[in-house]
N, C-alpha and C. Protein backbone atom coordinates (compact mmCIF):
# COMPACT_ATOMS: atom_id res chain seq x y z
N MET A 1 46.54 -36.67 22.59
CA MET A 1 46.60 -35.68 21.54
C MET A 1 47.74 -34.72 21.88
N SER A 2 48.56 -34.42 20.89
CA SER A 2 49.69 -33.52 21.12
C SER A 2 49.21 -32.06 21.14
N ARG A 3 50.05 -31.22 21.64
CA ARG A 3 49.73 -29.79 21.71
C ARG A 3 49.54 -29.21 20.31
N ARG A 4 50.36 -29.65 19.37
CA ARG A 4 50.26 -29.17 17.99
C ARG A 4 48.92 -29.57 17.38
N THR A 5 48.47 -30.78 17.61
CA THR A 5 47.17 -31.26 17.11
C THR A 5 46.04 -30.43 17.69
N ILE A 6 46.12 -30.12 18.98
CA ILE A 6 45.08 -29.31 19.63
C ILE A 6 45.03 -27.92 19.00
N ILE A 7 46.17 -27.33 18.73
CA ILE A 7 46.22 -26.00 18.12
C ILE A 7 45.63 -26.04 16.71
N VAL A 8 45.99 -27.05 15.94
CA VAL A 8 45.47 -27.18 14.57
C VAL A 8 43.96 -27.37 14.59
N VAL A 9 43.46 -28.23 15.47
CA VAL A 9 42.02 -28.47 15.56
C VAL A 9 41.31 -27.19 16.01
N THR A 10 41.86 -26.49 16.98
CA THR A 10 41.26 -25.25 17.46
C THR A 10 41.19 -24.22 16.34
N CYS A 11 42.26 -24.08 15.57
CA CYS A 11 42.28 -23.14 14.44
C CYS A 11 41.23 -23.54 13.40
N ALA A 12 41.11 -24.82 13.12
CA ALA A 12 40.13 -25.28 12.14
C ALA A 12 38.71 -24.96 12.61
N VAL A 13 38.45 -25.18 13.89
CA VAL A 13 37.12 -24.88 14.45
C VAL A 13 36.83 -23.38 14.36
N LEU A 14 37.80 -22.55 14.69
CA LEU A 14 37.61 -21.11 14.62
C LEU A 14 37.39 -20.63 13.19
N LEU A 15 38.13 -21.20 12.25
CA LEU A 15 37.94 -20.84 10.85
C LEU A 15 36.56 -21.27 10.35
N ALA A 16 36.10 -22.44 10.73
CA ALA A 16 34.77 -22.90 10.34
C ALA A 16 33.69 -22.01 10.92
N ALA A 17 33.85 -21.60 12.17
CA ALA A 17 32.88 -20.72 12.81
C ALA A 17 32.85 -19.36 12.11
N ALA A 18 34.01 -18.85 11.74
CA ALA A 18 34.07 -17.57 11.03
C ALA A 18 33.41 -17.67 9.66
N ALA A 19 33.61 -18.77 8.97
CA ALA A 19 32.99 -18.97 7.65
C ALA A 19 31.47 -19.04 7.77
N LEU A 20 30.97 -19.74 8.79
CA LEU A 20 29.52 -19.81 8.99
C LEU A 20 28.94 -18.45 9.34
N SER A 21 29.64 -17.70 10.14
CA SER A 21 29.17 -16.37 10.51
C SER A 21 29.12 -15.46 9.29
N ALA A 22 30.13 -15.53 8.44
CA ALA A 22 30.15 -14.72 7.22
C ALA A 22 29.03 -15.14 6.28
N ALA A 23 28.75 -16.43 6.21
CA ALA A 23 27.68 -16.92 5.33
C ALA A 23 26.33 -16.40 5.80
N ASP A 24 26.13 -16.30 7.11
CA ASP A 24 24.86 -15.79 7.64
C ASP A 24 24.62 -14.35 7.22
N HIS A 25 25.67 -13.55 7.11
CA HIS A 25 25.53 -12.14 6.78
C HIS A 25 25.60 -11.86 5.29
N SER A 26 26.03 -12.80 4.50
CA SER A 26 26.17 -12.55 3.07
C SER A 26 24.99 -13.10 2.27
N GLY A 27 24.01 -13.67 2.93
CA GLY A 27 22.84 -14.20 2.24
C GLY A 27 22.01 -13.09 1.63
N PRO A 28 20.95 -13.46 0.94
CA PRO A 28 20.12 -12.45 0.30
C PRO A 28 19.49 -11.53 1.35
N GLN A 29 19.71 -10.25 1.18
CA GLN A 29 19.16 -9.27 2.11
C GLN A 29 18.09 -8.47 1.39
N THR A 30 16.99 -8.25 2.07
CA THR A 30 15.91 -7.50 1.46
C THR A 30 15.46 -6.37 2.37
N ARG A 31 14.69 -5.48 1.81
CA ARG A 31 14.11 -4.37 2.55
C ARG A 31 12.67 -4.21 2.12
N GLU A 32 11.96 -3.37 2.86
CA GLU A 32 10.55 -3.13 2.56
C GLU A 32 10.34 -1.63 2.39
N LEU A 33 9.53 -1.27 1.41
CA LEU A 33 9.16 0.12 1.19
C LEU A 33 7.67 0.26 1.47
N THR A 34 7.34 1.15 2.38
CA THR A 34 5.94 1.45 2.67
C THR A 34 5.73 2.94 2.52
N GLY A 35 4.49 3.34 2.52
CA GLY A 35 4.22 4.77 2.44
C GLY A 35 2.74 5.04 2.32
N ILE A 36 2.45 6.27 1.98
CA ILE A 36 1.09 6.73 1.85
C ILE A 36 0.99 7.68 0.67
N VAL A 37 -0.16 7.66 0.00
CA VAL A 37 -0.44 8.60 -1.08
C VAL A 37 -1.43 9.62 -0.52
N LEU A 38 -1.07 10.89 -0.65
CA LEU A 38 -1.85 11.97 -0.05
C LEU A 38 -2.30 12.99 -1.08
N LEU A 39 -3.40 13.65 -0.79
CA LEU A 39 -3.86 14.79 -1.57
C LEU A 39 -2.96 15.96 -1.22
N LYS A 40 -2.36 16.58 -2.22
CA LYS A 40 -1.35 17.60 -1.97
C LYS A 40 -1.91 18.79 -1.18
N SER A 41 -3.13 19.19 -1.43
CA SER A 41 -3.68 20.39 -0.79
C SER A 41 -4.08 20.18 0.66
N THR A 42 -4.60 19.01 1.01
CA THR A 42 -5.13 18.81 2.36
C THR A 42 -4.43 17.71 3.16
N GLU A 43 -3.52 16.99 2.51
CA GLU A 43 -2.82 15.86 3.14
C GLU A 43 -3.77 14.71 3.49
N ALA A 44 -4.95 14.68 2.87
CA ALA A 44 -5.88 13.58 3.08
C ALA A 44 -5.40 12.37 2.28
N PRO A 45 -5.57 11.16 2.81
CA PRO A 45 -5.16 9.96 2.07
C PRO A 45 -6.00 9.77 0.81
N ILE A 46 -5.38 9.23 -0.22
CA ILE A 46 -6.06 8.98 -1.48
C ILE A 46 -6.22 7.48 -1.67
N ALA A 47 -7.47 7.04 -1.72
CA ALA A 47 -7.77 5.62 -1.97
C ALA A 47 -7.73 5.34 -3.47
N ASN A 48 -7.45 4.11 -3.82
CA ASN A 48 -7.45 3.63 -5.20
C ASN A 48 -6.44 4.33 -6.11
N ALA A 49 -5.39 4.88 -5.53
CA ALA A 49 -4.30 5.41 -6.35
C ALA A 49 -3.42 4.22 -6.75
N ILE A 50 -2.84 4.30 -7.91
CA ILE A 50 -1.93 3.24 -8.37
C ILE A 50 -0.51 3.72 -8.12
N VAL A 51 0.23 2.94 -7.34
CA VAL A 51 1.62 3.25 -7.02
C VAL A 51 2.50 2.37 -7.91
N TYR A 52 3.42 3.02 -8.62
CA TYR A 52 4.33 2.32 -9.53
C TYR A 52 5.73 2.31 -8.93
N LEU A 53 6.33 1.14 -8.85
CA LEU A 53 7.70 0.97 -8.37
C LEU A 53 8.51 0.38 -9.51
N LYS A 54 9.54 1.11 -9.93
CA LYS A 54 10.34 0.68 -11.10
C LYS A 54 11.79 0.52 -10.70
N ASN A 55 12.38 -0.59 -11.14
CA ASN A 55 13.81 -0.78 -11.02
C ASN A 55 14.40 -0.29 -12.35
N PRO A 56 15.08 0.86 -12.37
CA PRO A 56 15.55 1.42 -13.64
C PRO A 56 16.63 0.59 -14.33
N LYS A 57 17.29 -0.28 -13.59
CA LYS A 57 18.33 -1.12 -14.19
C LYS A 57 17.71 -2.29 -14.96
N THR A 58 16.73 -2.95 -14.35
CA THR A 58 16.10 -4.13 -14.98
C THR A 58 14.81 -3.78 -15.72
N LEU A 59 14.28 -2.58 -15.46
CA LEU A 59 13.01 -2.10 -16.01
C LEU A 59 11.80 -2.86 -15.50
N ASP A 60 11.98 -3.64 -14.42
CA ASP A 60 10.85 -4.32 -13.78
C ASP A 60 9.98 -3.26 -13.11
N ILE A 61 8.66 -3.44 -13.23
CA ILE A 61 7.70 -2.53 -12.61
C ILE A 61 6.73 -3.33 -11.77
N LYS A 62 6.52 -2.89 -10.54
CA LYS A 62 5.52 -3.47 -9.65
C LYS A 62 4.48 -2.39 -9.38
N THR A 63 3.24 -2.79 -9.16
CA THR A 63 2.20 -1.82 -8.85
C THR A 63 1.47 -2.23 -7.58
N TYR A 64 0.83 -1.23 -6.98
CA TYR A 64 0.05 -1.45 -5.77
C TYR A 64 -1.11 -0.45 -5.81
N ILE A 65 -2.31 -0.90 -5.53
CA ILE A 65 -3.47 -0.02 -5.46
C ILE A 65 -3.75 0.27 -3.99
N THR A 66 -3.76 1.56 -3.65
CA THR A 66 -3.93 1.94 -2.25
C THR A 66 -5.34 1.64 -1.75
N ALA A 67 -5.42 1.34 -0.46
CA ALA A 67 -6.70 1.11 0.20
C ALA A 67 -7.29 2.46 0.62
N GLU A 68 -8.35 2.42 1.40
CA GLU A 68 -9.02 3.64 1.85
C GLU A 68 -8.08 4.57 2.62
N ASP A 69 -7.10 4.00 3.32
CA ASP A 69 -6.19 4.81 4.12
C ASP A 69 -5.00 5.35 3.32
N GLY A 70 -4.96 5.08 2.01
CA GLY A 70 -3.90 5.59 1.14
C GLY A 70 -2.57 4.89 1.26
N GLN A 71 -2.49 3.83 2.06
CA GLN A 71 -1.23 3.14 2.32
C GLN A 71 -0.85 2.20 1.17
N TYR A 72 0.47 2.04 0.99
CA TYR A 72 1.00 1.05 0.04
C TYR A 72 2.16 0.33 0.70
N ARG A 73 2.54 -0.81 0.10
CA ARG A 73 3.62 -1.64 0.68
C ARG A 73 4.25 -2.49 -0.42
N PHE A 74 5.58 -2.43 -0.50
CA PHE A 74 6.35 -3.28 -1.40
C PHE A 74 7.39 -4.03 -0.57
N PRO A 75 7.13 -5.32 -0.26
CA PRO A 75 8.07 -6.10 0.54
C PRO A 75 9.14 -6.76 -0.33
N ALA A 76 10.16 -7.29 0.31
CA ALA A 76 11.20 -8.12 -0.31
C ALA A 76 11.89 -7.44 -1.49
N LEU A 77 12.30 -6.18 -1.29
CA LEU A 77 13.06 -5.47 -2.32
C LEU A 77 14.56 -5.66 -2.09
N ALA A 78 15.30 -5.74 -3.16
CA ALA A 78 16.75 -5.92 -3.06
C ALA A 78 17.40 -4.71 -2.41
N MET A 79 18.34 -4.96 -1.52
CA MET A 79 19.07 -3.88 -0.86
C MET A 79 20.02 -3.16 -1.81
N ASN A 80 20.50 -3.88 -2.82
CA ASN A 80 21.52 -3.32 -3.71
C ASN A 80 20.94 -2.75 -5.00
N ALA A 81 19.66 -2.43 -5.01
CA ALA A 81 19.02 -1.88 -6.22
C ALA A 81 18.41 -0.52 -5.91
N ASP A 82 18.42 0.35 -6.93
CA ASP A 82 17.71 1.62 -6.85
C ASP A 82 16.28 1.40 -7.33
N TYR A 83 15.36 2.19 -6.81
CA TYR A 83 13.96 2.10 -7.24
C TYR A 83 13.41 3.51 -7.43
N GLU A 84 12.58 3.67 -8.47
CA GLU A 84 11.85 4.92 -8.70
C GLU A 84 10.40 4.64 -8.38
N ILE A 85 9.74 5.59 -7.70
CA ILE A 85 8.36 5.38 -7.28
C ILE A 85 7.54 6.63 -7.54
N HIS A 86 6.33 6.42 -8.03
CA HIS A 86 5.37 7.51 -8.17
C HIS A 86 3.96 6.93 -8.09
N ALA A 87 2.97 7.82 -7.92
CA ALA A 87 1.58 7.39 -7.82
C ALA A 87 0.75 8.15 -8.85
N GLU A 88 -0.35 7.51 -9.28
CA GLU A 88 -1.28 8.14 -10.23
C GLU A 88 -2.71 7.92 -9.76
N ARG A 89 -3.56 8.92 -10.01
CA ARG A 89 -4.99 8.82 -9.72
C ARG A 89 -5.72 9.80 -10.61
N ASN A 90 -6.74 9.33 -11.31
CA ASN A 90 -7.56 10.17 -12.19
C ASN A 90 -6.73 10.96 -13.20
N GLY A 91 -5.72 10.34 -13.75
CA GLY A 91 -4.88 10.99 -14.75
C GLY A 91 -3.86 11.97 -14.19
N LYS A 92 -3.82 12.13 -12.89
CA LYS A 92 -2.84 13.02 -12.24
C LYS A 92 -1.73 12.16 -11.65
N ARG A 93 -0.56 12.77 -11.53
CA ARG A 93 0.62 12.01 -11.13
C ARG A 93 1.42 12.75 -10.05
N SER A 94 1.97 12.00 -9.13
CA SER A 94 2.86 12.59 -8.12
C SER A 94 4.24 12.78 -8.73
N GLU A 95 5.10 13.45 -7.99
CA GLU A 95 6.51 13.52 -8.38
C GLU A 95 7.11 12.12 -8.26
N THR A 96 8.12 11.85 -9.06
CA THR A 96 8.84 10.59 -8.93
C THR A 96 9.91 10.75 -7.86
N LYS A 97 9.94 9.79 -6.93
CA LYS A 97 10.95 9.79 -5.88
C LYS A 97 11.82 8.56 -6.05
N THR A 98 12.98 8.57 -5.42
CA THR A 98 13.94 7.48 -5.56
C THR A 98 14.27 6.87 -4.20
N LEU A 99 14.28 5.54 -4.17
CA LEU A 99 14.83 4.80 -3.04
C LEU A 99 16.19 4.29 -3.51
N SER A 100 17.25 4.84 -2.95
CA SER A 100 18.60 4.56 -3.40
C SER A 100 19.16 3.28 -2.79
N SER A 101 20.03 2.64 -3.52
CA SER A 101 20.74 1.47 -2.99
C SER A 101 21.70 1.88 -1.86
N PHE A 102 22.02 3.16 -1.77
CA PHE A 102 22.88 3.66 -0.70
C PHE A 102 22.10 3.85 0.61
N ASP A 103 20.78 3.79 0.53
CA ASP A 103 19.92 3.89 1.71
C ASP A 103 19.86 2.51 2.35
N SER A 104 20.51 2.34 3.48
CA SER A 104 20.66 1.01 4.08
C SER A 104 19.52 0.63 5.03
N ARG A 105 18.47 1.44 5.11
CA ARG A 105 17.36 1.10 6.00
C ARG A 105 16.64 -0.16 5.50
N ARG A 106 16.29 -1.04 6.43
CA ARG A 106 15.51 -2.24 6.09
C ARG A 106 14.04 -1.90 5.89
N GLN A 107 13.60 -0.81 6.51
CA GLN A 107 12.22 -0.36 6.41
C GLN A 107 12.24 1.11 6.01
N ALA A 108 11.95 1.38 4.74
CA ALA A 108 11.92 2.76 4.25
C ALA A 108 10.47 3.18 4.05
N SER A 109 10.22 4.47 4.15
CA SER A 109 8.87 4.99 3.97
C SER A 109 8.93 6.26 3.13
N ILE A 110 8.06 6.33 2.12
CA ILE A 110 8.01 7.49 1.23
C ILE A 110 6.56 7.91 1.06
N ALA A 111 6.28 9.19 1.35
CA ALA A 111 4.95 9.76 1.12
C ALA A 111 4.93 10.36 -0.29
N LEU A 112 3.86 10.09 -1.00
CA LEU A 112 3.68 10.61 -2.36
C LEU A 112 2.46 11.53 -2.35
N ARG A 113 2.57 12.70 -2.97
CA ARG A 113 1.48 13.66 -2.99
C ARG A 113 1.02 13.95 -4.41
N ILE A 114 -0.30 13.95 -4.60
CA ILE A 114 -0.88 14.19 -5.91
C ILE A 114 -1.77 15.42 -5.82
N ASP A 115 -1.64 16.32 -6.79
CA ASP A 115 -2.52 17.50 -6.87
C ASP A 115 -3.65 17.14 -7.83
N LEU A 116 -4.81 16.81 -7.30
CA LEU A 116 -5.96 16.41 -8.11
C LEU A 116 -6.74 17.62 -8.63
N SER A 117 -6.37 18.83 -8.21
CA SER A 117 -7.13 20.01 -8.62
C SER A 117 -6.72 20.55 -9.98
N LYS A 118 -5.58 20.17 -10.48
CA LYS A 118 -5.10 20.69 -11.78
C LYS A 118 -5.94 20.16 -12.92
């Protein structure tokens, strides 16, 4: 094998390796949103609250009903999408919060507080 052939083959191998590496990082990336729904006055967890997650661009809405510990979880969310989230219980509603596409965390957490005394 000539020196030129070795250089060409080496370059081809390096280019193929770079392409594979780029493909590994450009695949679908997801994140997870977890959190807790709390009573605004005492910070106690609220069971059976309905948590609404909305993608304002597509208008898709996902819901989650909290367990006794007030926890919620939305897995496999797109990294490049914004999400609006709020919780409701007994006709009362938390403030709406936003998970931004500029937030690059793979694991985000948002606490939602509801004032049930109003």
